[in-house]
Amino acid sequence: MDSTDNNSESWVSWMTPVDDAPNRESWLMEAVERLARSTFPAFKRPAWRVTCGWPKGTRGGKHAIGQCWPSASSADGTHELFISPELDRPVEILHVLAHEMVHAIVGTEAGHKGEFVKLCKAIGLVKPWIATTAGPELAKTLAIYAAQLGPYPHARLNDVHKKQSTRMLKATCPNPKCDLLTQLGKPLTGRFSQEVADLGLPFCPHCSTQMELAGGRGESLKEAA
């Protein structure tokens, strides 16, 4: 029995990728490689990884859109670059990547000064240095790269925090010798908004002691995650 044809089909099937579509990390890593080869001047390449994830911390009440963690923070000495999942436009992502790559190359200890500024100018980034802004020439180059890389395989993630409705906070007179407590067996109690609590709770009219929040400041109104 001649099984050549069957074997041929079997090998073709085995060698054909099931899914060769890029994922977010492969797209981002290819973008980093393209920028490293074609946009930056010659430099000693650090070990780095890039992924999509929420950068730690906020600035001005907003999430950072990109972040570079130093190699000293990584167990294997690798710079970790993060791109916020709020971003989904390739050109904007390339702008952010260029900024974070500068941090990795010059060292995060440089902050947004000195060598950081020098390399930003060399590749075409412009002020303000804490932002991610490309000059005209770099913007044109990044637009070309974005077209070559194709769509970013990601769906934008909106970080929407639903605030709790304002609830009134319970406050009582803490004085154990308050006239009202002596007469009725219970302290003066009232409910106030967080705004009032922050400005200062009123004083008990029976003993002139300032009222306190029941349970302490832990009942302050906070954003619900």
N, C-alpha and C. Protein backbone atom coordinates (compact mmCIF):
# COMPACT_ATOMS: atom_id res chain seq x y z
N MET A 1 0.85 -1.20 0.00
CA MET A 1 0.00 0.00 0.00
C MET A 1 0.88 1.24 0.00
N ASP A 2 0.60 2.16 -0.94
CA ASP A 2 1.38 3.38 -1.04
C ASP A 2 0.75 4.45 -0.15
N SER A 3 1.48 4.85 0.87
CA SER A 3 0.92 5.81 1.83
C SER A 3 1.57 7.18 1.71
N THR A 4 2.25 7.42 0.61
CA THR A 4 2.99 8.68 0.43
C THR A 4 2.08 9.89 0.52
N ASP A 5 0.95 9.83 -0.18
CA ASP A 5 0.04 10.98 -0.18
C ASP A 5 -0.49 11.28 1.21
N ASN A 6 -0.85 10.21 1.91
CA ASN A 6 -1.37 10.42 3.26
C ASN A 6 -0.31 11.02 4.17
N ASN A 7 0.93 10.52 4.03
CA ASN A 7 2.00 11.05 4.86
C ASN A 7 2.26 12.51 4.55
N SER A 8 2.18 12.84 3.24
CA SER A 8 2.42 14.21 2.82
C SER A 8 1.39 15.13 3.44
N GLU A 9 0.14 14.72 3.42
CA GLU A 9 -0.92 15.53 4.00
C GLU A 9 -0.72 15.67 5.51
N SER A 10 -0.26 14.57 6.12
CA SER A 10 -0.05 14.59 7.56
C SER A 10 1.03 15.59 7.94
N TRP A 11 2.13 15.61 7.18
CA TRP A 11 3.23 16.54 7.47
C TRP A 11 2.79 17.98 7.24
N VAL A 12 2.05 18.23 6.18
CA VAL A 12 1.59 19.58 5.90
C VAL A 12 0.70 20.07 7.03
N SER A 13 -0.21 19.18 7.48
CA SER A 13 -1.10 19.55 8.57
C SER A 13 -0.33 19.84 9.85
N TRP A 14 0.69 19.03 10.11
CA TRP A 14 1.46 19.19 11.34
C TRP A 14 2.28 20.48 11.34
N MET A 15 2.76 20.87 10.15
CA MET A 15 3.63 22.04 10.06
C MET A 15 2.86 23.35 9.90
N THR A 16 1.54 23.27 9.68
CA THR A 16 0.74 24.48 9.50
C THR A 16 0.34 25.05 10.84
N PRO A 17 0.67 26.33 11.13
CA PRO A 17 0.30 26.91 12.42
C PRO A 17 -1.21 26.91 12.61
N VAL A 18 -1.63 26.65 13.80
CA VAL A 18 -3.06 26.67 14.10
C VAL A 18 -3.55 28.11 14.10
N ASP A 19 -2.76 29.01 14.70
CA ASP A 19 -3.14 30.42 14.77
C ASP A 19 -1.88 31.27 14.82
N ASP A 20 -1.58 31.94 13.73
CA ASP A 20 -0.37 32.75 13.69
C ASP A 20 -0.67 34.24 13.86
N ALA A 21 -1.90 34.56 14.29
CA ALA A 21 -2.26 35.96 14.52
C ALA A 21 -1.50 36.49 15.73
N PRO A 22 -1.02 37.71 15.66
CA PRO A 22 -0.27 38.26 16.79
C PRO A 22 -1.18 38.52 17.99
N ASN A 23 -0.63 38.39 19.18
CA ASN A 23 -1.37 38.82 20.36
C ASN A 23 -0.82 40.16 20.80
N ARG A 24 -1.33 40.69 21.88
CA ARG A 24 -0.89 42.03 22.30
C ARG A 24 0.61 42.09 22.56
N GLU A 25 1.11 41.07 23.30
CA GLU A 25 2.52 41.11 23.68
C GLU A 25 3.44 40.99 22.47
N SER A 26 3.08 40.12 21.52
CA SER A 26 3.94 39.98 20.34
C SER A 26 3.91 41.26 19.50
N TRP A 27 2.74 41.90 19.44
CA TRP A 27 2.63 43.17 18.70
C TRP A 27 3.50 44.23 19.38
N LEU A 28 3.40 44.31 20.69
CA LEU A 28 4.18 45.31 21.43
C LEU A 28 5.67 45.04 21.32
N MET A 29 6.07 43.77 21.39
CA MET A 29 7.48 43.45 21.31
C MET A 29 8.04 43.75 19.92
N GLU A 30 7.24 43.49 18.91
CA GLU A 30 7.67 43.81 17.55
C GLU A 30 7.80 45.32 17.39
N ALA A 31 6.90 46.06 18.02
CA ALA A 31 6.97 47.52 17.97
C ALA A 31 8.25 48.02 18.64
N VAL A 32 8.60 47.43 19.78
CA VAL A 32 9.82 47.80 20.48
C VAL A 32 11.04 47.51 19.61
N GLU A 33 11.06 46.34 18.97
CA GLU A 33 12.19 45.98 18.12
C GLU A 33 12.32 46.94 16.94
N ARG A 34 11.20 47.31 16.36
CA ARG A 34 11.24 48.23 15.22
C ARG A 34 11.76 49.60 15.64
N LEU A 35 11.30 50.07 16.79
CA LEU A 35 11.77 51.36 17.29
C LEU A 35 13.26 51.30 17.63
N ALA A 36 13.68 50.21 18.25
CA ALA A 36 15.08 50.06 18.64
C ALA A 36 16.01 50.06 17.43
N ARG A 37 15.57 49.41 16.35
CA ARG A 37 16.41 49.30 15.15
C ARG A 37 16.45 50.58 14.34
N SER A 38 15.30 51.26 14.27
CA SER A 38 15.17 52.33 13.27
C SER A 38 15.03 53.75 13.81
N THR A 39 14.72 53.89 15.07
CA THR A 39 14.46 55.23 15.60
C THR A 39 15.55 55.71 16.55
N PHE A 40 16.08 54.81 17.35
CA PHE A 40 17.08 55.18 18.35
C PHE A 40 18.49 55.14 17.76
N PRO A 41 19.36 56.01 18.22
CA PRO A 41 20.78 55.91 17.83
C PRO A 41 21.37 54.66 18.48
N ALA A 42 22.57 54.30 18.11
CA ALA A 42 23.20 53.10 18.65
C ALA A 42 23.25 53.18 20.17
N PHE A 43 22.86 52.10 20.83
CA PHE A 43 22.86 52.09 22.28
C PHE A 43 23.06 50.67 22.77
N LYS A 44 23.47 50.56 24.02
CA LYS A 44 23.61 49.25 24.64
C LYS A 44 22.22 48.78 25.04
N ARG A 45 21.75 47.74 24.37
CA ARG A 45 20.37 47.30 24.57
C ARG A 45 20.18 46.63 25.93
N PRO A 46 19.24 47.16 26.72
CA PRO A 46 18.96 46.50 28.00
C PRO A 46 18.03 45.31 27.79
N ALA A 47 17.98 44.43 28.77
CA ALA A 47 16.99 43.35 28.72
C ALA A 47 15.65 43.98 29.08
N TRP A 48 14.65 43.76 28.23
CA TRP A 48 13.35 44.34 28.52
C TRP A 48 12.21 43.44 28.03
N ARG A 49 11.10 43.61 28.68
CA ARG A 49 9.85 42.97 28.28
C ARG A 49 8.80 44.06 28.23
N VAL A 50 7.78 43.84 27.41
CA VAL A 50 6.71 44.82 27.32
C VAL A 50 5.38 44.07 27.33
N THR A 51 4.42 44.64 28.03
CA THR A 51 3.11 43.99 28.11
C THR A 51 2.04 45.05 28.29
N CYS A 52 0.80 44.61 28.17
CA CYS A 52 -0.35 45.48 28.38
C CYS A 52 -0.81 45.29 29.83
N GLY A 53 -0.85 46.35 30.60
CA GLY A 53 -1.27 46.24 31.99
C GLY A 53 -1.36 47.60 32.63
N TRP A 54 -2.08 47.67 33.75
CA TRP A 54 -2.25 48.95 34.42
C TRP A 54 -0.95 49.39 35.07
N PRO A 55 -0.42 50.55 34.70
CA PRO A 55 0.74 51.08 35.41
C PRO A 55 0.37 51.38 36.85
N LYS A 56 1.34 51.29 37.75
CA LYS A 56 1.08 51.53 39.16
C LYS A 56 1.06 53.02 39.45
N GLY A 57 0.10 53.43 40.27
CA GLY A 57 0.04 54.82 40.69
C GLY A 57 -0.74 55.69 39.73
N THR A 58 -0.92 56.93 40.12
CA THR A 58 -1.65 57.91 39.33
C THR A 58 -0.89 59.21 39.28
N ARG A 59 -1.25 60.06 38.34
CA ARG A 59 -0.70 61.41 38.28
C ARG A 59 -1.85 62.35 38.00
N GLY A 60 -2.07 63.30 38.93
CA GLY A 60 -3.17 64.23 38.76
C GLY A 60 -4.52 63.55 38.78
N GLY A 61 -4.63 62.45 39.52
CA GLY A 61 -5.90 61.74 39.61
C GLY A 61 -6.14 60.81 38.45
N LYS A 62 -5.18 60.71 37.53
CA LYS A 62 -5.36 59.85 36.36
C LYS A 62 -4.29 58.77 36.33
N HIS A 63 -4.64 57.66 35.67
CA HIS A 63 -3.66 56.60 35.50
C HIS A 63 -2.55 57.06 34.57
N ALA A 64 -1.35 56.59 34.83
CA ALA A 64 -0.28 56.78 33.84
C ALA A 64 -0.63 55.90 32.64
N ILE A 65 -0.26 56.34 31.45
CA ILE A 65 -0.58 55.55 30.26
C ILE A 65 0.56 54.62 29.87
N GLY A 66 1.70 54.79 30.54
CA GLY A 66 2.83 53.90 30.30
C GLY A 66 3.75 53.96 31.50
N GLN A 67 4.57 52.93 31.66
CA GLN A 67 5.47 52.91 32.80
C GLN A 67 6.63 51.96 32.53
N CYS A 68 7.80 52.34 33.02
CA CYS A 68 8.98 51.49 32.92
C CYS A 68 9.47 51.18 34.33
N TRP A 69 9.51 49.89 34.65
CA TRP A 69 10.04 49.45 35.94
C TRP A 69 11.51 49.10 35.77
N PRO A 70 12.37 49.53 36.70
CA PRO A 70 13.80 49.28 36.58
C PRO A 70 14.15 47.81 36.71
N SER A 71 15.27 47.45 36.16
CA SER A 71 15.71 46.05 36.19
C SER A 71 15.91 45.56 37.63
N ALA A 72 16.24 46.48 38.54
CA ALA A 72 16.46 46.09 39.94
C ALA A 72 15.19 45.56 40.59
N SER A 73 14.03 45.91 40.03
CA SER A 73 12.77 45.44 40.59
C SER A 73 12.38 44.05 40.08
N SER A 74 13.08 43.59 39.05
CA SER A 74 12.74 42.31 38.42
C SER A 74 13.64 41.20 38.94
N ALA A 75 13.06 40.02 39.18
CA ALA A 75 13.83 38.89 39.69
C ALA A 75 14.91 38.44 38.72
N ASP A 76 14.72 38.70 37.42
CA ASP A 76 15.74 38.28 36.46
C ASP A 76 16.45 39.48 35.81
N GLY A 77 16.35 40.65 36.45
CA GLY A 77 17.09 41.81 35.97
C GLY A 77 16.61 42.38 34.66
N THR A 78 15.30 42.30 34.41
CA THR A 78 14.74 42.78 33.15
C THR A 78 13.92 44.05 33.38
N HIS A 79 14.09 45.03 32.50
CA HIS A 79 13.21 46.20 32.55
C HIS A 79 11.82 45.77 32.10
N GLU A 80 10.81 46.18 32.84
CA GLU A 80 9.43 45.83 32.50
C GLU A 80 8.70 47.08 32.03
N LEU A 81 8.24 47.05 30.79
CA LEU A 81 7.51 48.18 30.22
C LEU A 81 6.02 47.85 30.18
N PHE A 82 5.21 48.77 30.67
CA PHE A 82 3.76 48.56 30.69
C PHE A 82 3.06 49.61 29.84
N ILE A 83 2.10 49.14 29.06
CA ILE A 83 1.24 50.02 28.26
C ILE A 83 -0.17 49.89 28.80
N SER A 84 -0.78 51.00 29.13
CA SER A 84 -2.12 50.97 29.72
C SER A 84 -3.14 50.32 28.79
N PRO A 85 -4.04 49.48 29.33
CA PRO A 85 -5.10 48.89 28.51
C PRO A 85 -6.14 49.91 28.07
N GLU A 86 -6.01 51.15 28.54
CA GLU A 86 -6.90 52.21 28.06
C GLU A 86 -6.51 52.67 26.65
N LEU A 87 -5.31 52.29 26.21
CA LEU A 87 -4.85 52.70 24.89
C LEU A 87 -5.15 51.61 23.87
N ASP A 88 -5.62 52.02 22.69
CA ASP A 88 -5.87 51.03 21.64
C ASP A 88 -5.48 51.52 20.25
N ARG A 89 -4.98 52.76 20.15
CA ARG A 89 -4.57 53.30 18.85
C ARG A 89 -3.08 53.08 18.65
N PRO A 90 -2.69 52.37 17.59
CA PRO A 90 -1.28 52.04 17.36
C PRO A 90 -0.32 53.22 17.44
N VAL A 91 -0.66 54.35 16.83
CA VAL A 91 0.25 55.49 16.83
C VAL A 91 0.49 56.00 18.25
N GLU A 92 -0.58 56.11 19.02
CA GLU A 92 -0.44 56.58 20.39
C GLU A 92 0.41 55.61 21.22
N ILE A 93 0.22 54.33 21.00
CA ILE A 93 0.99 53.31 21.72
C ILE A 93 2.47 53.42 21.38
N LEU A 94 2.79 53.67 20.13
CA LEU A 94 4.19 53.83 19.73
C LEU A 94 4.82 55.05 20.39
N HIS A 95 4.05 56.12 20.54
CA HIS A 95 4.56 57.31 21.23
C HIS A 95 4.94 56.95 22.67
N VAL A 96 4.03 56.22 23.33
CA VAL A 96 4.27 55.85 24.73
C VAL A 96 5.45 54.89 24.83
N LEU A 97 5.53 53.93 23.92
CA LEU A 97 6.64 52.97 23.94
C LEU A 97 7.98 53.68 23.80
N ALA A 98 8.05 54.66 22.92
CA ALA A 98 9.30 55.39 22.72
C ALA A 98 9.73 56.06 24.02
N HIS A 99 8.78 56.66 24.71
CA HIS A 99 9.07 57.32 25.98
C HIS A 99 9.58 56.33 27.03
N GLU A 100 8.90 55.19 27.14
CA GLU A 100 9.29 54.20 28.16
C GLU A 100 10.62 53.52 27.80
N MET A 101 10.88 53.37 26.52
CA MET A 101 12.16 52.80 26.10
C MET A 101 13.31 53.72 26.48
N VAL A 102 13.09 55.03 26.40
CA VAL A 102 14.13 55.98 26.81
C VAL A 102 14.46 55.76 28.29
N HIS A 103 13.42 55.59 29.10
CA HIS A 103 13.64 55.32 30.53
C HIS A 103 14.50 54.08 30.73
N ALA A 104 14.19 53.02 29.98
CA ALA A 104 14.94 51.77 30.13
C ALA A 104 16.39 51.92 29.69
N ILE A 105 16.61 52.66 28.62
CA ILE A 105 17.96 52.80 28.06
C ILE A 105 18.87 53.65 28.94
N VAL A 106 18.35 54.78 29.43
CA VAL A 106 19.20 55.67 30.23
C VAL A 106 19.14 55.34 31.72
N GLY A 107 18.17 54.53 32.11
CA GLY A 107 18.02 54.20 33.52
C GLY A 107 16.91 55.03 34.15
N THR A 108 16.02 54.37 34.86
CA THR A 108 14.89 55.10 35.45
C THR A 108 15.33 56.11 36.50
N GLU A 109 16.54 55.92 37.05
CA GLU A 109 17.02 56.86 38.06
C GLU A 109 17.24 58.26 37.50
N ALA A 110 17.31 58.38 36.16
CA ALA A 110 17.49 59.69 35.53
C ALA A 110 16.22 60.52 35.59
N GLY A 111 15.09 59.84 35.88
CA GLY A 111 13.83 60.57 35.91
C GLY A 111 13.52 61.16 34.55
N HIS A 112 13.07 62.41 34.53
CA HIS A 112 12.79 63.10 33.27
C HIS A 112 13.77 64.25 33.05
N LYS A 113 15.03 64.01 33.45
CA LYS A 113 16.05 65.04 33.33
C LYS A 113 17.33 64.46 32.70
N GLY A 114 18.31 65.31 32.49
CA GLY A 114 19.63 64.89 32.08
C GLY A 114 19.66 63.99 30.85
N GLU A 115 20.18 62.76 31.03
CA GLU A 115 20.32 61.83 29.92
C GLU A 115 18.98 61.47 29.30
N PHE A 116 17.93 61.47 30.11
CA PHE A 116 16.58 61.19 29.57
C PHE A 116 16.21 62.24 28.54
N VAL A 117 16.38 63.50 28.89
CA VAL A 117 16.04 64.59 27.98
C VAL A 117 16.92 64.54 26.73
N LYS A 118 18.18 64.26 26.91
CA LYS A 118 19.12 64.19 25.79
C LYS A 118 18.70 63.15 24.76
N LEU A 119 18.32 61.95 25.23
CA LEU A 119 17.92 60.90 24.29
C LEU A 119 16.55 61.19 23.68
N CYS A 120 15.65 61.78 24.46
CA CYS A 120 14.34 62.16 23.92
C CYS A 120 14.52 63.10 22.73
N LYS A 121 15.39 64.09 22.89
CA LYS A 121 15.65 65.04 21.80
C LYS A 121 16.25 64.34 20.59
N ALA A 122 17.12 63.36 20.86
CA ALA A 122 17.79 62.66 19.77
C ALA A 122 16.82 61.88 18.88
N ILE A 123 15.76 61.34 19.49
CA ILE A 123 14.82 60.53 18.68
C ILE A 123 13.63 61.36 18.20
N GLY A 124 13.44 62.57 18.72
CA GLY A 124 12.37 63.42 18.22
C GLY A 124 11.21 63.64 19.16
N LEU A 125 11.33 63.23 20.42
CA LEU A 125 10.30 63.56 21.39
C LEU A 125 10.50 65.00 21.84
N VAL A 126 9.43 65.67 22.21
CA VAL A 126 9.51 67.07 22.60
C VAL A 126 8.86 67.30 23.96
N LYS A 127 9.07 68.49 24.51
CA LYS A 127 8.48 68.86 25.79
C LYS A 127 6.95 68.79 25.73
N PRO A 128 6.32 68.61 26.89
CA PRO A 128 6.85 68.40 28.24
C PRO A 128 7.40 66.99 28.39
N TRP A 129 8.51 66.84 29.10
CA TRP A 129 9.20 65.55 29.15
C TRP A 129 8.47 64.49 29.95
N ILE A 130 7.57 64.90 30.84
CA ILE A 130 6.82 63.89 31.59
C ILE A 130 5.66 63.33 30.76
N ALA A 131 5.38 63.95 29.63
CA ALA A 131 4.32 63.48 28.75
C ALA A 131 4.93 62.67 27.62
N THR A 132 4.09 62.27 26.69
CA THR A 132 4.57 61.51 25.53
C THR A 132 4.16 62.27 24.28
N THR A 133 5.05 63.13 23.82
CA THR A 133 4.74 63.97 22.67
C THR A 133 5.83 63.86 21.63
N ALA A 134 5.44 63.48 20.43
CA ALA A 134 6.40 63.34 19.33
C ALA A 134 6.43 64.61 18.50
N GLY A 135 7.65 65.01 18.10
CA GLY A 135 7.78 66.13 17.19
C GLY A 135 7.27 65.74 15.81
N PRO A 136 7.18 66.68 14.88
CA PRO A 136 6.61 66.42 13.56
C PRO A 136 7.27 65.27 12.80
N GLU A 137 8.60 65.23 12.77
CA GLU A 137 9.29 64.18 12.02
C GLU A 137 9.08 62.80 12.65
N LEU A 138 9.20 62.73 13.97
CA LEU A 138 9.00 61.45 14.64
C LEU A 138 7.55 60.99 14.49
N ALA A 139 6.63 61.94 14.55
CA ALA A 139 5.21 61.59 14.40
C ALA A 139 4.95 60.94 13.03
N LYS A 140 5.59 61.46 11.99
CA LYS A 140 5.44 60.88 10.65
C LYS A 140 6.01 59.46 10.61
N THR A 141 7.18 59.29 11.23
CA THR A 141 7.82 57.97 11.26
C THR A 141 6.96 56.96 12.00
N LEU A 142 6.43 57.36 13.14
CA LEU A 142 5.61 56.44 13.94
C LEU A 142 4.31 56.09 13.22
N ALA A 143 3.79 57.01 12.44
CA ALA A 143 2.57 56.72 11.68
C ALA A 143 2.86 55.63 10.64
N ILE A 144 4.04 55.67 10.04
CA ILE A 144 4.44 54.64 9.08
C ILE A 144 4.58 53.29 9.78
N TYR A 145 5.25 53.29 10.93
CA TYR A 145 5.43 52.05 11.69
C TYR A 145 4.08 51.45 12.08
N ALA A 146 3.16 52.32 12.48
CA ALA A 146 1.84 51.85 12.90
C ALA A 146 1.13 51.15 11.75
N ALA A 147 1.25 51.72 10.54
CA ALA A 147 0.63 51.11 9.37
C ALA A 147 1.28 49.77 9.06
N GLN A 148 2.59 49.68 9.23
CA GLN A 148 3.31 48.43 8.96
C GLN A 148 2.98 47.35 9.98
N LEU A 149 2.80 47.75 11.23
CA LEU A 149 2.50 46.78 12.28
C LEU A 149 1.07 46.27 12.21
N GLY A 150 0.18 47.09 11.68
CA GLY A 150 -1.21 46.67 11.57
C GLY A 150 -1.97 46.95 12.86
N PRO A 151 -3.23 46.55 12.91
CA PRO A 151 -4.07 46.83 14.07
C PRO A 151 -3.49 46.23 15.36
N TYR A 152 -3.65 46.94 16.42
CA TYR A 152 -3.23 46.45 17.74
C TYR A 152 -4.29 45.48 18.23
N PRO A 153 -3.95 44.21 18.47
CA PRO A 153 -4.96 43.20 18.82
C PRO A 153 -5.43 43.33 20.27
N HIS A 154 -6.23 44.34 20.49
CA HIS A 154 -6.63 44.66 21.85
C HIS A 154 -7.95 45.42 21.81
N ALA A 155 -8.78 45.22 22.83
CA ALA A 155 -10.00 46.00 22.98
C ALA A 155 -9.82 46.93 24.17
N ARG A 156 -10.03 48.19 23.96
CA ARG A 156 -9.83 49.21 25.00
C ARG A 156 -10.58 48.84 26.28
N LEU A 157 -9.90 49.02 27.39
CA LEU A 157 -10.51 48.76 28.70
C LEU A 157 -10.72 50.10 29.39
N ASN A 158 -11.97 50.42 29.68
CA ASN A 158 -12.30 51.68 30.32
C ASN A 158 -12.33 51.49 31.83
N ASP A 159 -11.53 52.27 32.53
CA ASP A 159 -11.46 52.18 33.98
C ASP A 159 -12.51 53.12 34.57
N VAL A 160 -13.71 52.61 34.71
CA VAL A 160 -14.83 53.41 35.21
C VAL A 160 -15.12 53.00 36.64
N HIS A 161 -14.89 53.92 37.57
CA HIS A 161 -15.19 53.67 38.97
C HIS A 161 -16.57 54.23 39.28
N LYS A 162 -17.42 53.39 39.80
CA LYS A 162 -18.75 53.84 40.20
C LYS A 162 -18.69 54.31 41.64
N LYS A 163 -19.01 55.57 41.84
CA LYS A 163 -18.98 56.10 43.20
C LYS A 163 -20.26 55.72 43.93
N GLN A 164 -20.11 55.43 45.21
CA GLN A 164 -21.27 55.19 46.04
C GLN A 164 -22.05 56.48 46.15
N SER A 165 -23.37 56.35 46.30
CA SER A 165 -24.17 57.54 46.56
C SER A 165 -23.78 58.06 47.94
N THR A 166 -23.89 59.37 48.12
CA THR A 166 -23.48 59.96 49.39
C THR A 166 -24.32 59.39 50.53
N ARG A 167 -23.64 58.87 51.53
CA ARG A 167 -24.37 58.38 52.70
C ARG A 167 -24.01 59.24 53.90
N MET A 168 -24.95 59.36 54.78
CA MET A 168 -24.74 60.18 55.96
C MET A 168 -23.96 59.39 57.00
N LEU A 169 -23.02 60.05 57.64
CA LEU A 169 -22.17 59.41 58.61
C LEU A 169 -22.68 59.67 60.02
N LYS A 170 -22.71 58.62 60.81
CA LYS A 170 -23.21 58.73 62.17
C LYS A 170 -22.14 59.30 63.10
N ALA A 171 -22.53 60.27 63.92
CA ALA A 171 -21.61 60.86 64.89
C ALA A 171 -22.31 60.94 66.24
N THR A 172 -21.54 60.82 67.31
CA THR A 172 -22.10 60.87 68.67
C THR A 172 -21.23 61.74 69.56
N CYS A 173 -21.79 62.14 70.68
CA CYS A 173 -21.02 62.86 71.68
C CYS A 173 -20.22 61.83 72.47
N PRO A 174 -18.89 61.98 72.54
CA PRO A 174 -18.07 60.98 73.21
C PRO A 174 -17.92 61.18 74.73
N ASN A 175 -18.49 62.27 75.25
CA ASN A 175 -18.31 62.60 76.67
C ASN A 175 -19.17 61.69 77.55
N PRO A 176 -18.55 60.84 78.38
CA PRO A 176 -19.33 59.93 79.23
C PRO A 176 -20.09 60.66 80.35
N LYS A 177 -19.75 61.96 80.58
CA LYS A 177 -20.42 62.73 81.63
C LYS A 177 -21.39 63.75 81.04
N CYS A 178 -21.70 63.60 79.76
CA CYS A 178 -22.63 64.52 79.11
C CYS A 178 -23.98 64.50 79.83
N ASP A 179 -24.61 65.71 80.02
CA ASP A 179 -25.89 65.80 80.71
C ASP A 179 -26.95 64.94 80.04
N LEU A 180 -26.95 64.91 78.70
CA LEU A 180 -27.97 64.13 77.99
C LEU A 180 -27.80 62.64 78.26
N LEU A 181 -26.55 62.17 78.26
CA LEU A 181 -26.28 60.77 78.55
C LEU A 181 -26.72 60.43 79.97
N THR A 182 -26.49 61.34 80.91
CA THR A 182 -26.87 61.12 82.31
C THR A 182 -28.39 61.07 82.46
N GLN A 183 -29.09 61.94 81.72
CA GLN A 183 -30.54 62.02 81.86
C GLN A 183 -31.27 60.91 81.10
N LEU A 184 -30.85 60.63 79.88
CA LEU A 184 -31.59 59.68 79.04
C LEU A 184 -30.92 58.32 78.89
N GLY A 185 -29.65 58.23 79.30
CA GLY A 185 -28.95 56.96 79.20
C GLY A 185 -28.39 56.68 77.82
N LYS A 186 -28.42 57.68 76.95
CA LYS A 186 -27.84 57.51 75.61
C LYS A 186 -27.27 58.84 75.16
N PRO A 187 -26.18 58.79 74.38
CA PRO A 187 -25.52 60.04 73.97
C PRO A 187 -26.27 60.74 72.84
N LEU A 188 -25.93 62.00 72.67
CA LEU A 188 -26.46 62.75 71.54
C LEU A 188 -25.94 62.12 70.25
N THR A 189 -26.83 61.89 69.31
CA THR A 189 -26.45 61.25 68.04
C THR A 189 -26.98 62.08 66.88
N GLY A 190 -26.18 62.15 65.82
CA GLY A 190 -26.61 62.85 64.62
C GLY A 190 -25.96 62.26 63.40
N ARG A 191 -26.44 62.62 62.24
CA ARG A 191 -25.85 62.13 60.98
C ARG A 191 -25.47 63.32 60.12
N PHE A 192 -24.26 63.22 59.54
CA PHE A 192 -23.72 64.34 58.79
C PHE A 192 -23.07 63.84 57.49
N SER A 193 -22.97 64.73 56.53
CA SER A 193 -22.33 64.38 55.27
C SER A 193 -20.82 64.34 55.45
N GLN A 194 -20.13 63.71 54.51
CA GLN A 194 -18.66 63.66 54.56
C GLN A 194 -18.07 65.07 54.50
N GLU A 195 -18.72 65.94 53.74
CA GLU A 195 -18.23 67.31 53.61
C GLU A 195 -18.23 68.01 54.96
N VAL A 196 -19.31 67.82 55.73
CA VAL A 196 -19.39 68.42 57.06
C VAL A 196 -18.33 67.81 57.97
N ALA A 197 -18.18 66.47 57.89
CA ALA A 197 -17.19 65.79 58.73
C ALA A 197 -15.78 66.28 58.45
N ASP A 198 -15.49 66.55 57.18
CA ASP A 198 -14.16 67.03 56.81
C ASP A 198 -13.91 68.44 57.31
N LEU A 199 -14.96 69.26 57.33
CA LEU A 199 -14.82 70.64 57.79
C LEU A 199 -14.74 70.71 59.32
N GLY A 200 -15.35 69.74 59.97
CA GLY A 200 -15.34 69.73 61.44
C GLY A 200 -16.73 69.48 61.98
N LEU A 201 -16.88 68.44 62.78
CA LEU A 201 -18.18 68.10 63.33
C LEU A 201 -18.60 69.12 64.38
N PRO A 202 -19.90 69.29 64.58
CA PRO A 202 -20.38 70.27 65.57
C PRO A 202 -20.11 69.83 67.01
N PHE A 203 -20.34 70.75 67.93
CA PHE A 203 -20.16 70.47 69.34
C PHE A 203 -21.51 70.13 69.98
N CYS A 204 -21.46 69.24 70.93
CA CYS A 204 -22.67 68.85 71.64
C CYS A 204 -23.23 70.05 72.40
N PRO A 205 -24.51 70.39 72.22
CA PRO A 205 -25.08 71.56 72.91
C PRO A 205 -25.28 71.32 74.41
N HIS A 206 -25.15 70.07 74.87
CA HIS A 206 -25.39 69.76 76.28
C HIS A 206 -24.11 69.82 77.12
N CYS A 207 -22.95 69.58 76.47
CA CYS A 207 -21.70 69.58 77.24
C CYS A 207 -20.54 70.27 76.53
N SER A 208 -20.80 70.78 75.34
CA SER A 208 -19.78 71.51 74.56
C SER A 208 -18.60 70.66 74.12
N THR A 209 -18.79 69.33 74.03
CA THR A 209 -17.74 68.43 73.54
C THR A 209 -17.96 68.19 72.04
N GLN A 210 -16.89 68.23 71.27
CA GLN A 210 -17.06 68.01 69.83
C GLN A 210 -17.47 66.58 69.55
N MET A 211 -18.43 66.41 68.69
CA MET A 211 -18.93 65.08 68.35
C MET A 211 -17.89 64.33 67.52
N GLU A 212 -17.96 63.02 67.54
CA GLU A 212 -17.03 62.16 66.80
C GLU A 212 -17.79 61.17 65.96
N LEU A 213 -17.18 60.78 64.85
CA LEU A 213 -17.80 59.77 63.99
C LEU A 213 -17.83 58.43 64.70
N ALA A 214 -18.95 57.75 64.61
CA ALA A 214 -19.05 56.41 65.17
C ALA A 214 -18.18 55.49 64.35
N GLY A 215 -17.28 54.77 65.00
CA GLY A 215 -16.38 53.88 64.28
C GLY A 215 -15.13 54.59 63.80
N GLY A 216 -14.99 55.90 64.09
CA GLY A 216 -13.79 56.62 63.69
C GLY A 216 -13.85 57.05 62.24
N ARG A 217 -12.72 57.50 61.73
CA ARG A 217 -12.65 58.02 60.36
C ARG A 217 -12.78 56.96 59.31
N GLY A 218 -12.82 55.71 59.74
CA GLY A 218 -12.91 54.62 58.76
C GLY A 218 -14.19 54.61 57.98
N GLU A 219 -15.21 55.37 58.43
CA GLU A 219 -16.47 55.39 57.73
C GLU A 219 -16.51 56.44 56.64
N SER A 220 -15.41 57.10 56.42
CA SER A 220 -15.37 58.14 55.40
C SER A 220 -15.79 57.56 54.05
N LEU A 221 -16.46 58.37 53.28
CA LEU A 221 -16.93 57.94 51.98
C LEU A 221 -15.77 57.77 51.02
N LYS A 222 -15.66 56.62 50.38
CA LYS A 222 -14.59 56.35 49.43
C LYS A 222 -15.19 55.83 48.14
N GLU A 223 -14.38 55.87 47.09
CA GLU A 223 -14.82 55.30 45.82
C GLU A 223 -14.90 53.80 45.95
N ALA A 224 -15.95 53.23 45.42
CA ALA A 224 -16.07 51.77 45.40
C ALA A 224 -15.39 51.25 44.15
N ALA A 225 -14.55 50.26 44.31
CA ALA A 225 -13.85 49.73 43.14
C ALA A 225 -14.80 48.92 42.29
